Amino acid sequence: MTSKALLAASLTLVLLAGCRSQSALTPQQADGQHLYASRCAHCHKENDLALKPPPPNLSNLFHHAKLPSGAPATDAQVVRTVLSGKGNMPSFAGRFTQEQMDALLAYLHTGVR
């Protein structure tokens, strides 16, 4: 392979990798990702309890005007739902610090990666 061809192939790989990469999460979003994985994904992503009806998927939650419940898609409403529970979802009151709730919200705003 000539050096020009090698350079072109390398540049193509770099450009393609850049097209698929997502920006890195902030430390707060990364903390929220960990909380989501350990406390939310069990039902909202995997539904390994086979809940009926299945809990809503939280991907792109804030990219819509309304939450799956029909309530406004706001931080305050999500916090209210998490802390109070709704339907089959239990209350998580006392199970999240304010810092953890802020991190979870920051992660949910990423669209859930």
C-alpha atoms as a PDB file:
ATOM      1  CA  MET A   1       0.000   0.000   0.000  1.00  0.00           C
ATOM      2  CA  THR A   2       1.397   3.396  -0.917  1.00  0.00           C
ATOM      3  CA  SER A   3       1.823   6.096   1.685  1.00  0.00           C
ATOM      4  CA  LYS A   4      -0.954   8.137   0.030  1.00  0.00           C
ATOM      5  CA  ALA A   5      -3.318   5.189   0.146  1.00  0.00           C
ATOM      6  CA  LEU A   6      -2.385   4.475   3.759  1.00  0.00           C
ATOM      7  CA  LEU A   7      -2.949   8.108   4.698  1.00  0.00           C
ATOM      8  CA  ALA A   8      -6.333   8.128   2.918  1.00  0.00           C
ATOM      9  CA  ALA A   9      -7.394   4.917   4.662  1.00  0.00           C
ATOM     10  CA  SER A  10      -6.314   6.273   8.039  1.00  0.00           C
ATOM     11  CA  LEU A  11      -8.176   9.530   7.479  1.00  0.00           C
ATOM     12  CA  THR A  12     -11.305   7.627   6.463  1.00  0.00           C
ATOM     13  CA  LEU A  13     -11.194   5.554   9.655  1.00  0.00           C
ATOM     14  CA  VAL A  14     -10.755   8.651  11.805  1.00  0.00           C
ATOM     15  CA  LEU A  15     -13.659  10.416  10.103  1.00  0.00           C
ATOM     16  CA  LEU A  16     -15.936   7.391  10.375  1.00  0.00           C
ATOM     17  CA  ALA A  17     -15.095   6.925  14.042  1.00  0.00           C
ATOM     18  CA  GLY A  18     -15.857  10.583  14.665  1.00  0.00           C
ATOM     19  CA  CYS A  19     -19.268  10.264  13.030  1.00  0.00           C
ATOM     20  CA  ARG A  20     -20.334   7.526  15.417  1.00  0.00           C
ATOM     21  CA  SER A  21     -18.862   8.814  18.627  1.00  0.00           C
ATOM     22  CA  GLN A  22     -20.935  10.608  21.211  1.00  0.00           C
ATOM     23  CA  SER A  23     -19.598  13.356  23.340  1.00  0.00           C
ATOM     24  CA  ALA A  24     -18.274  12.198  26.670  1.00  0.00           C
ATOM     25  CA  LEU A  25     -20.550  12.400  29.659  1.00  0.00           C
ATOM     26  CA  THR A  26     -19.801  14.974  32.307  1.00  0.00           C
ATOM     27  CA  PRO A  27     -18.890  13.561  35.736  1.00  0.00           C
ATOM     28  CA  GLN A  28     -22.419  14.395  36.948  1.00  0.00           C
ATOM     29  CA  GLN A  29     -24.012  12.633  33.952  1.00  0.00           C
ATOM     30  CA  ALA A  30     -21.730   9.628  34.482  1.00  0.00           C
ATOM     31  CA  ASP A  31     -22.887   9.438  38.108  1.00  0.00           C
ATOM     32  CA  GLY A  32     -26.465   9.609  36.854  1.00  0.00           C
ATOM     33  CA  GLN A  33     -25.749   6.855  34.340  1.00  0.00           C
ATOM     34  CA  HIS A  34     -24.526   4.637  37.184  1.00  0.00           C
ATOM     35  CA  LEU A  35     -27.651   5.402  39.230  1.00  0.00           C
ATOM     36  CA  TYR A  36     -29.883   4.714  36.233  1.00  0.00           C
ATOM     37  CA  ALA A  37     -28.149   1.398  35.578  1.00  0.00           C
ATOM     38  CA  SER A  38     -28.385   0.292  39.203  1.00  0.00           C
ATOM     39  CA  ARG A  39     -31.824   1.613  40.155  1.00  0.00           C
ATOM     40  CA  CYS A  40     -33.906   2.325  37.045  1.00  0.00           C
ATOM     41  CA  ALA A  41     -32.842   0.126  34.125  1.00  0.00           C
ATOM     42  CA  HIS A  42     -33.958  -2.996  36.008  1.00  0.00           C
ATOM     43  CA  CYS A  43     -37.545  -2.047  35.158  1.00  0.00           C
ATOM     44  CA  HIS A  44     -37.387   0.760  32.617  1.00  0.00           C
ATOM     45  CA  LYS A  45     -34.934  -0.853  30.222  1.00  0.00           C
ATOM     46  CA  GLU A  46     -34.816  -4.578  30.866  1.00  0.00           C
ATOM     47  CA  ASN A  47     -38.200  -5.198  32.549  1.00  0.00           C
ATOM     48  CA  ASP A  48     -36.719  -8.403  33.893  1.00  0.00           C
ATOM     49  CA  LEU A  49     -39.603  -8.655  36.341  1.00  0.00           C
ATOM     50  CA  ALA A  50     -41.992  -8.999  33.376  1.00  0.00           C
ATOM     51  CA  LEU A  51     -44.169  -6.198  34.726  1.00  0.00           C
ATOM     52  CA  LYS A  52     -47.510  -5.708  32.998  1.00  0.00           C
ATOM     53  CA  PRO A  53     -47.899  -3.210  31.538  1.00  0.00           C
ATOM     54  CA  PRO A  54     -44.175  -2.767  31.016  1.00  0.00           C
ATOM     55  CA  PRO A  55     -42.736   0.427  32.510  1.00  0.00           C
ATOM     56  CA  PRO A  56     -42.040   3.107  29.901  1.00  0.00           C
ATOM     57  CA  ASN A  57     -38.637   3.298  28.277  1.00  0.00           C
ATOM     58  CA  LEU A  58     -36.930   6.479  29.487  1.00  0.00           C
ATOM     59  CA  SER A  59     -34.810   7.049  26.376  1.00  0.00           C
ATOM     60  CA  ASN A  60     -35.269  10.593  25.091  1.00  0.00           C
ATOM     61  CA  LEU A  61     -37.615  11.338  27.980  1.00  0.00           C
ATOM     62  CA  PHE A  62     -36.962  15.072  27.822  1.00  0.00           C
ATOM     63  CA  HIS A  63     -37.077  15.230  24.021  1.00  0.00           C
ATOM     64  CA  HIS A  64     -40.875  15.235  24.198  1.00  0.00           C
ATOM     65  CA  ALA A  65     -43.251  17.812  25.647  1.00  0.00           C
ATOM     66  CA  LYS A  66     -44.970  15.209  27.814  1.00  0.00           C
ATOM     67  CA  LEU A  67     -43.911  12.237  29.876  1.00  0.00           C
ATOM     68  CA  PRO A  68     -45.444   8.813  29.089  1.00  0.00           C
ATOM     69  CA  SER A  69     -48.007   9.569  31.823  1.00  0.00           C
ATOM     70  CA  GLY A  70     -49.139  12.698  29.965  1.00  0.00           C
ATOM     71  CA  ALA A  71     -47.648  15.039  32.568  1.00  0.00           C
ATOM     72  CA  PRO A  72     -45.305  17.802  31.386  1.00  0.00           C
ATOM     73  CA  ALA A  73     -41.744  16.637  30.714  1.00  0.00           C
ATOM     74  CA  THR A  74     -40.074  18.765  33.365  1.00  0.00           C
ATOM     75  CA  ASP A  75     -37.417  18.097  35.963  1.00  0.00           C
ATOM     76  CA  ALA A  76     -39.935  18.862  38.706  1.00  0.00           C
ATOM     77  CA  GLN A  77     -42.422  16.316  37.365  1.00  0.00           C
ATOM     78  CA  VAL A  78     -39.794  13.596  37.005  1.00  0.00           C
ATOM     79  CA  VAL A  79     -38.595  14.233  40.568  1.00  0.00           C
ATOM     80  CA  ARG A  80     -42.204  14.103  41.789  1.00  0.00           C
ATOM     81  CA  THR A  81     -42.773  10.785  40.020  1.00  0.00           C
ATOM     82  CA  VAL A  82     -39.524   9.249  41.286  1.00  0.00           C
ATOM     83  CA  LEU A  83     -40.091  10.340  44.871  1.00  0.00           C
ATOM     84  CA  SER A  84     -43.836   9.638  45.019  1.00  0.00           C
ATOM     85  CA  GLY A  85     -44.113   6.650  42.719  1.00  0.00           C
ATOM     86  CA  LYS A  86     -46.883   6.126  40.191  1.00  0.00           C
ATOM     87  CA  GLY A  87     -48.853   3.052  39.186  1.00  0.00           C
ATOM     88  CA  ASN A  88     -46.588   0.017  39.581  1.00  0.00           C
ATOM     89  CA  MET A  89     -43.585   2.238  40.299  1.00  0.00           C
ATOM     90  CA  PRO A  90     -42.787   2.390  44.011  1.00  0.00           C
ATOM     91  CA  SER A  91     -41.792   5.560  45.786  1.00  0.00           C
ATOM     92  CA  PHE A  92     -38.078   6.233  45.928  1.00  0.00           C
ATOM     93  CA  ALA A  93     -38.440   8.885  48.640  1.00  0.00           C
ATOM     94  CA  GLY A  94     -35.438   8.808  50.950  1.00  0.00           C
ATOM     95  CA  ARG A  95     -33.476   6.633  48.542  1.00  0.00           C
ATOM     96  CA  PHE A  96     -31.864   9.454  46.546  1.00  0.00           C
ATOM     97  CA  THR A  97     -29.920  12.399  47.881  1.00  0.00           C
ATOM     98  CA  GLN A  98     -30.438  15.737  46.143  1.00  0.00           C
ATOM     99  CA  GLU A  99     -27.021  15.308  44.517  1.00  0.00           C
ATOM    100  CA  GLN A 100     -28.011  11.879  43.201  1.00  0.00           C
ATOM    101  CA  MET A 101     -31.342  13.179  41.902  1.00  0.00           C
ATOM    102  CA  ASP A 102     -29.545  16.017  40.104  1.00  0.00           C
ATOM    103  CA  ALA A 103     -27.141  13.491  38.557  1.00  0.00           C
ATOM    104  CA  LEU A 104     -29.993  11.235  37.462  1.00  0.00           C
ATOM    105  CA  LEU A 105     -31.790  14.174  35.847  1.00  0.00           C
ATOM    106  CA  ALA A 106     -28.578  15.261  34.112  1.00  0.00           C
ATOM    107  CA  TYR A 107     -28.218  11.764  32.686  1.00  0.00           C
ATOM    108  CA  LEU A 108     -31.859  11.551  31.616  1.00  0.00           C
ATOM    109  CA  HIS A 109     -31.381  14.832  29.740  1.00  0.00           C
ATOM    110  CA  THR A 110     -28.710  13.103  27.598  1.00  0.00           C
ATOM    111  CA  GLY A 111     -31.409  10.869  26.152  1.00  0.00           C
ATOM    112  CA  VAL A 112     -30.141   7.808  28.098  1.00  0.00           C
ATOM    113  CA  ARG A 113     -27.118   6.403  26.309  1.00  0.00           C
END
